[in-house]
PDB file of N, CA and C in Angstrom:
ATOM      1  N   MET A   1      -8.525  25.596  -8.173  1.00  0.00           N
ATOM      2  CA  MET A   1      -8.833  24.771  -8.163  1.00  0.00           C
ATOM      3  C   MET A   1      -9.621  23.882  -7.189  1.00  0.00           C
ATOM      4  N   ALA A   2     -10.332  22.883  -7.983  1.00  0.00           N
ATOM      5  CA  ALA A   2     -11.803  21.973  -7.212  1.00  0.00           C
ATOM      6  C   ALA A   2     -11.520  21.316  -6.495  1.00  0.00           C
ATOM      7  N   LYS A   3     -11.879  21.389  -5.238  1.00  0.00           N
ATOM      8  CA  LYS A   3     -11.202  20.320  -3.465  1.00  0.00           C
ATOM      9  C   LYS A   3     -11.849  19.040  -4.156  1.00  0.00           C
ATOM     10  N   SER A   4     -11.294  18.247  -3.313  1.00  0.00           N
ATOM     11  CA  SER A   4     -11.451  16.652  -3.578  1.00  0.00           C
ATOM     12  C   SER A   4     -13.056  16.022  -3.633  1.00  0.00           C
ATOM     13  N   ALA A   5     -13.695  14.782  -3.865  1.00  0.00           N
ATOM     14  CA  ALA A   5     -14.649  15.288  -3.136  1.00  0.00           C
ATOM     15  C   ALA A   5     -14.471  13.942  -2.848  1.00  0.00           C
ATOM     16  N   VAL A   6     -13.553  13.272  -2.879  1.00  0.00           N
ATOM     17  CA  VAL A   6     -13.108  12.182  -1.028  1.00  0.00           C
ATOM     18  C   VAL A   6     -13.034  12.929   0.305  1.00  0.00           C
ATOM     19  N   ILE A   7     -13.447  11.877   0.942  1.00  0.00           N
ATOM     20  CA  ILE A   7     -13.305  12.115   2.399  1.00  0.00           C
ATOM     21  C   ILE A   7     -12.487  11.436   3.441  1.00  0.00           C
ATOM     22  N   LEU A   8     -11.652  11.243   4.302  1.00  0.00           N
ATOM     23  CA  LEU A   8     -11.621   9.984   4.706  1.00  0.00           C
ATOM     24  C   LEU A   8     -12.253   9.992   6.293  1.00  0.00           C
ATOM     25  N   VAL A   9     -12.332   9.032   6.466  1.00  0.00           N
ATOM     26  CA  VAL A   9     -13.217   8.542   7.791  1.00  0.00           C
ATOM     27  C   VAL A   9     -12.284   7.389   8.174  1.00  0.00           C
ATOM     28  N   LYS A  10     -12.814   7.070   9.813  1.00  0.00           N
ATOM     29  CA  LYS A  10     -12.175   5.926  11.263  1.00  0.00           C
ATOM     30  C   LYS A  10     -13.504   5.276  11.239  1.00  0.00           C
ATOM     31  N   LEU A  11     -13.079   3.752  10.871  1.00  0.00           N
ATOM     32  CA  LEU A  11     -13.152   2.768  10.690  1.00  0.00           C
ATOM     33  C   LEU A  11     -13.563   1.632  12.449  1.00  0.00           C
ATOM     34  N   LEU A  12     -13.968   1.945  13.290  1.00  0.00           N
ATOM     35  CA  LEU A  12     -14.190   2.452  14.485  1.00  0.00           C
ATOM     36  C   LEU A  12     -14.250   1.232  14.574  1.00  0.00           C
ATOM     37  N   SER A  13     -13.769  -0.108  15.853  1.00  0.00           N
ATOM     38  CA  SER A  13     -13.769  -1.109  16.020  1.00  0.00           C
ATOM     39  C   SER A  13     -15.806  -0.533  17.602  1.00  0.00           C
ATOM     40  N   THR A  14     -16.535  -2.389  17.265  1.00  0.00           N
ATOM     41  CA  THR A  14     -17.475  -1.944  18.258  1.00  0.00           C
ATOM     42  C   THR A  14     -17.198  -2.628  19.602  1.00  0.00           C
ATOM     43  N   ALA A  15     -15.799  -4.039  19.170  1.00  0.00           N
ATOM     44  CA  ALA A  15     -16.153  -4.370  20.064  1.00  0.00           C
ATOM     45  C   ALA A  15     -15.123  -3.231  20.934  1.00  0.00           C
ATOM     46  N   GLY A  16     -15.347  -2.290  21.170  1.00  0.00           N
ATOM     47  CA  GLY A  16     -14.449  -2.271  22.904  1.00  0.00           C
ATOM     48  C   GLY A  16     -13.385  -1.287  22.423  1.00  0.00           C
ATOM     49  N   THR A  17     -12.360  -2.194  21.616  1.00  0.00           N
ATOM     50  CA  THR A  17     -10.162  -1.791  21.890  1.00  0.00           C
ATOM     51  C   THR A  17      -9.529  -0.965  21.499  1.00  0.00           C
ATOM     52  N   GLY A  18     -10.589  -0.172  20.415  1.00  0.00           N
ATOM     53  CA  GLY A  18      -9.667   1.471  19.967  1.00  0.00           C
ATOM     54  C   GLY A  18      -9.039   1.071  18.589  1.00  0.00           C
ATOM     55  N   TYR A  19      -9.037  -0.195  18.455  1.00  0.00           N
ATOM     56  CA  TYR A  19      -8.548  -0.894  16.671  1.00  0.00           C
ATOM     57  C   TYR A  19      -9.015   0.055  15.940  1.00  0.00           C
ATOM     58  N   TYR A  20      -9.039   0.743  14.193  1.00  0.00           N
ATOM     59  CA  TYR A  20     -10.414   1.533  13.489  1.00  0.00           C
ATOM     60  C   TYR A  20      -8.809   1.385  12.484  1.00  0.00           C
ATOM     61  N   TYR A  21      -9.064   0.664  11.310  1.00  0.00           N
ATOM     62  CA  TYR A  21      -8.999   1.150   9.752  1.00  0.00           C
ATOM     63  C   TYR A  21      -9.351   2.735   8.756  1.00  0.00           C
ATOM     64  N   VAL A  22      -9.025   3.355   7.991  1.00  0.00           N
ATOM     65  CA  VAL A  22      -8.962   4.314   7.514  1.00  0.00           C
ATOM     66  C   VAL A  22      -9.175   4.073   6.337  1.00  0.00           C
ATOM     67  N   ALA A  23      -9.890   5.108   5.865  1.00  0.00           N
ATOM     68  CA  ALA A  23     -10.903   4.347   4.589  1.00  0.00           C
ATOM     69  C   ALA A  23     -11.525   5.795   3.849  1.00  0.00           C
ATOM     70  N   LYS A  24     -11.173   5.274   2.542  1.00  0.00           N
ATOM     71  CA  LYS A  24     -11.691   6.353   1.808  1.00  0.00           C
ATOM     72  C   LYS A  24     -13.376   6.975   1.365  1.00  0.00           C
ATOM     73  N   ARG A  25     -14.791   8.307   1.574  1.00  0.00           N
ATOM     74  CA  ARG A  25     -15.728   7.875   1.442  1.00  0.00           C
ATOM     75  C   ARG A  25     -15.733   9.063   0.459  1.00  0.00           C
ATOM     76  N   ASN A  26     -17.187   8.434  -0.429  1.00  0.00           N
ATOM     77  CA  ASN A  26     -17.489  10.512  -1.337  1.00  0.00           C
ATOM     78  C   ASN A  26     -19.031  10.494  -0.828  1.00  0.00           C
ATOM     79  N   PRO A  27     -18.721  11.672   0.032  1.00  0.00           N
ATOM     80  CA  PRO A  27     -20.079  12.462   0.552  1.00  0.00           C
ATOM     81  C   PRO A  27     -21.289  12.702  -0.793  1.00  0.00           C
ATOM     82  N   ARG A  28     -21.551  12.803  -1.495  1.00  0.00           N
ATOM     83  CA  ARG A  28     -21.418  12.705  -2.195  1.00  0.00           C
ATOM     84  C   ARG A  28     -23.205  12.286  -2.972  1.00  0.00           C
ATOM     85  N   LYS A  29     -21.618  10.893  -3.383  1.00  0.00           N
ATOM     86  CA  LYS A  29     -23.020   9.766  -3.553  1.00  0.00           C
ATOM     87  C   LYS A  29     -22.905   8.983  -2.835  1.00  0.00           C
ATOM     88  N   LEU A  30     -22.809   8.319  -1.781  1.00  0.00           N
ATOM     89  CA  LEU A  30     -22.950   8.114  -0.466  1.00  0.00           C
ATOM     90  C   LEU A  30     -22.907   8.413   0.617  1.00  0.00           C
ATOM     91  N   VAL A  31     -24.415   8.796   0.813  1.00  0.00           N
ATOM     92  CA  VAL A  31     -24.501   9.491   2.150  1.00  0.00           C
ATOM     93  C   VAL A  31     -24.519   9.588   3.405  1.00  0.00           C
ATOM     94  N   ASN A  32     -24.965   7.558   3.695  1.00  0.00           N
ATOM     95  CA  ASN A  32     -25.042   7.043   4.521  1.00  0.00           C
ATOM     96  C   ASN A  32     -23.870   6.878   5.478  1.00  0.00           C
ATOM     97  N   LYS A  33     -23.848   6.240   6.796  1.00  0.00           N
ATOM     98  CA  LYS A  33     -22.183   6.011   7.069  1.00  0.00           C
ATOM     99  C   LYS A  33     -22.379   5.054   6.813  1.00  0.00           C
ATOM    100  N   LEU A  34     -20.706   4.737   7.059  1.00  0.00           N
ATOM    101  CA  LEU A  34     -19.743   3.434   6.335  1.00  0.00           C
ATOM    102  C   LEU A  34     -20.550   2.142   7.031  1.00  0.00           C
ATOM    103  N   GLU A  35     -20.355   0.988   7.098  1.00  0.00           N
ATOM    104  CA  GLU A  35     -20.622   0.044   8.494  1.00  0.00           C
ATOM    105  C   GLU A  35     -19.965  -1.281   8.025  1.00  0.00           C
ATOM    106  N   PHE A  36     -18.601  -1.712   8.362  1.00  0.00           N
ATOM    107  CA  PHE A  36     -18.104  -2.990   7.697  1.00  0.00           C
ATOM    108  C   PHE A  36     -17.926  -4.588   9.230  1.00  0.00           C
ATOM    109  N   ARG A  37     -18.275  -5.479   8.652  1.00  0.00           N
ATOM    110  CA  ARG A  37     -17.215  -6.307   9.077  1.00  0.00           C
ATOM    111  C   ARG A  37     -15.773  -6.868   8.844  1.00  0.00           C
ATOM    112  N   LYS A  38     -15.110  -6.514   9.500  1.00  0.00           N
ATOM    113  CA  LYS A  38     -13.654  -6.720   9.294  1.00  0.00           C
ATOM    114  C   LYS A  38     -12.819  -7.208  10.412  1.00  0.00           C
ATOM    115  N   TYR A  39     -11.609  -7.653  10.320  1.00  0.00           N
ATOM    116  CA  TYR A  39     -10.733  -8.038  11.504  1.00  0.00           C
ATOM    117  C   TYR A  39     -10.705  -7.347  12.390  1.00  0.00           C
ATOM    118  N   ASP A  40     -10.837  -7.746  13.808  1.00  0.00           N
ATOM    119  CA  ASP A  40     -10.090  -6.582  14.698  1.00  0.00           C
ATOM    120  C   ASP A  40      -8.541  -7.938  15.254  1.00  0.00           C
ATOM    121  N   PRO A  41      -8.197  -7.382  15.373  1.00  0.00           N
ATOM    122  CA  PRO A  41      -6.575  -8.506  16.164  1.00  0.00           C
ATOM    123  C   PRO A  41      -6.673  -8.570  16.762  1.00  0.00           C
ATOM    124  N   ARG A  42      -7.032  -7.849  17.996  1.00  0.00           N
ATOM    125  CA  ARG A  42      -6.664  -7.253  19.548  1.00  0.00           C
ATOM    126  C   ARG A  42      -7.785  -8.052  19.953  1.00  0.00           C
ATOM    127  N   VAL A  43      -8.612  -8.506  19.559  1.00  0.00           N
ATOM    128  CA  VAL A  43     -10.151  -9.585  19.461  1.00  0.00           C
ATOM    129  C   VAL A  43     -10.169 -11.104  19.857  1.00  0.00           C
ATOM    130  N   ARG A  44      -9.060 -10.487  18.709  1.00  0.00           N
ATOM    131  CA  ARG A  44      -9.312 -11.881  17.332  1.00  0.00           C
ATOM    132  C   ARG A  44     -10.096 -12.548  16.492  1.00  0.00           C
ATOM    133  N   LYS A  45     -11.354 -11.301  16.264  1.00  0.00           N
ATOM    134  CA  LYS A  45     -12.490 -11.819  15.070  1.00  0.00           C
ATOM    135  C   LYS A  45     -12.420 -10.923  14.319  1.00  0.00           C
ATOM    136  N   HIS A  46     -13.466 -11.397  13.726  1.00  0.00           N
ATOM    137  CA  HIS A  46     -14.771 -10.249  12.918  1.00  0.00           C
ATOM    138  C   HIS A  46     -15.458  -9.525  13.541  1.00  0.00           C
ATOM    139  N   VAL A  47     -15.132  -9.197  13.769  1.00  0.00           N
ATOM    140  CA  VAL A  47     -16.683  -7.366  14.139  1.00  0.00           C
ATOM    141  C   VAL A  47     -17.340  -6.430  12.952  1.00  0.00           C
ATOM    142  N   VAL A  48     -18.268  -5.382  13.585  1.00  0.00           N
ATOM    143  CA  VAL A  48     -18.769  -4.464  12.856  1.00  0.00           C
ATOM    144  C   VAL A  48     -18.046  -3.316  13.954  1.00  0.00           C
ATOM    145  N   PHE A  49     -17.422  -2.349  12.039  1.00  0.00           N
ATOM    146  CA  PHE A  49     -16.785  -1.902  12.478  1.00  0.00           C
ATOM    147  C   PHE A  49     -17.541  -0.408  11.913  1.00  0.00           C
ATOM    148  N   LYS A  50     -17.728   1.338  13.060  1.00  0.00           N
ATOM    149  CA  LYS A  50     -19.018   1.762  12.005  1.00  0.00           C
ATOM    150  C   LYS A  50     -17.875   3.046  12.010  1.00  0.00           C
ATOM    151  N   GLU A  51     -18.425   4.069  11.342  1.00  0.00           N
ATOM    152  CA  GLU A  51     -17.890   4.929  11.063  1.00  0.00           C
ATOM    153  C   GLU A  51     -17.956   6.303  11.645  1.00  0.00           C
ATOM    154  N   ALA A  52     -16.954   7.013  12.337  1.00  0.00           N
ATOM    155  CA  ALA A  52     -16.716   7.248  13.306  1.00  0.00           C
ATOM    156  C   ALA A  52     -15.610   9.096  12.801  1.00  0.00           C
ATOM    157  N   LYS A  53     -15.429  10.173  12.968  1.00  0.00           N
ATOM    158  CA  LYS A  53     -15.295  10.918  12.490  1.00  0.00           C
ATOM    159  C   LYS A  53     -12.911  11.029  13.103  1.00  0.00           C
ATOM    160  N   LEU A  54     -12.896  11.716  11.571  1.00  0.00           N
ATOM    161  CA  LEU A  54     -10.945  10.740  11.801  1.00  0.00           C
ATOM    162  C   LEU A  54     -10.434  12.657  12.911  1.00  0.00           C
ATOM    163  N   SER A  55      -9.876  12.913  13.322  1.00  0.00           N
ATOM    164  CA  SER A  55      -9.234  14.238  13.925  1.00  0.00           C
ATOM    165  C   SER A  55      -8.099  14.153  13.328  1.00  0.00           C
ATOM    166  N   LYS A  56      -7.801  15.763  12.833  1.00  0.00           N
ATOM    167  CA  LYS A  56      -6.563  15.744  12.187  1.00  0.00           C
ATOM    168  C   LYS A  56      -5.888  16.414  12.864  1.00  0.00           C
TER     169      LYS A  56
END
């Protein structure tokens, strides 16, 4: 059976709070790292979240 093309990645807050989201990414189609502007409830603001490695 073939492996799934989708991997799980951690979107870590750049505000330094340690808050993160988990997202799926297809590395074959999307070669750049993910970067989103999302809500961080610990600082109660929208901040940039950057992709980091998800430890299992």
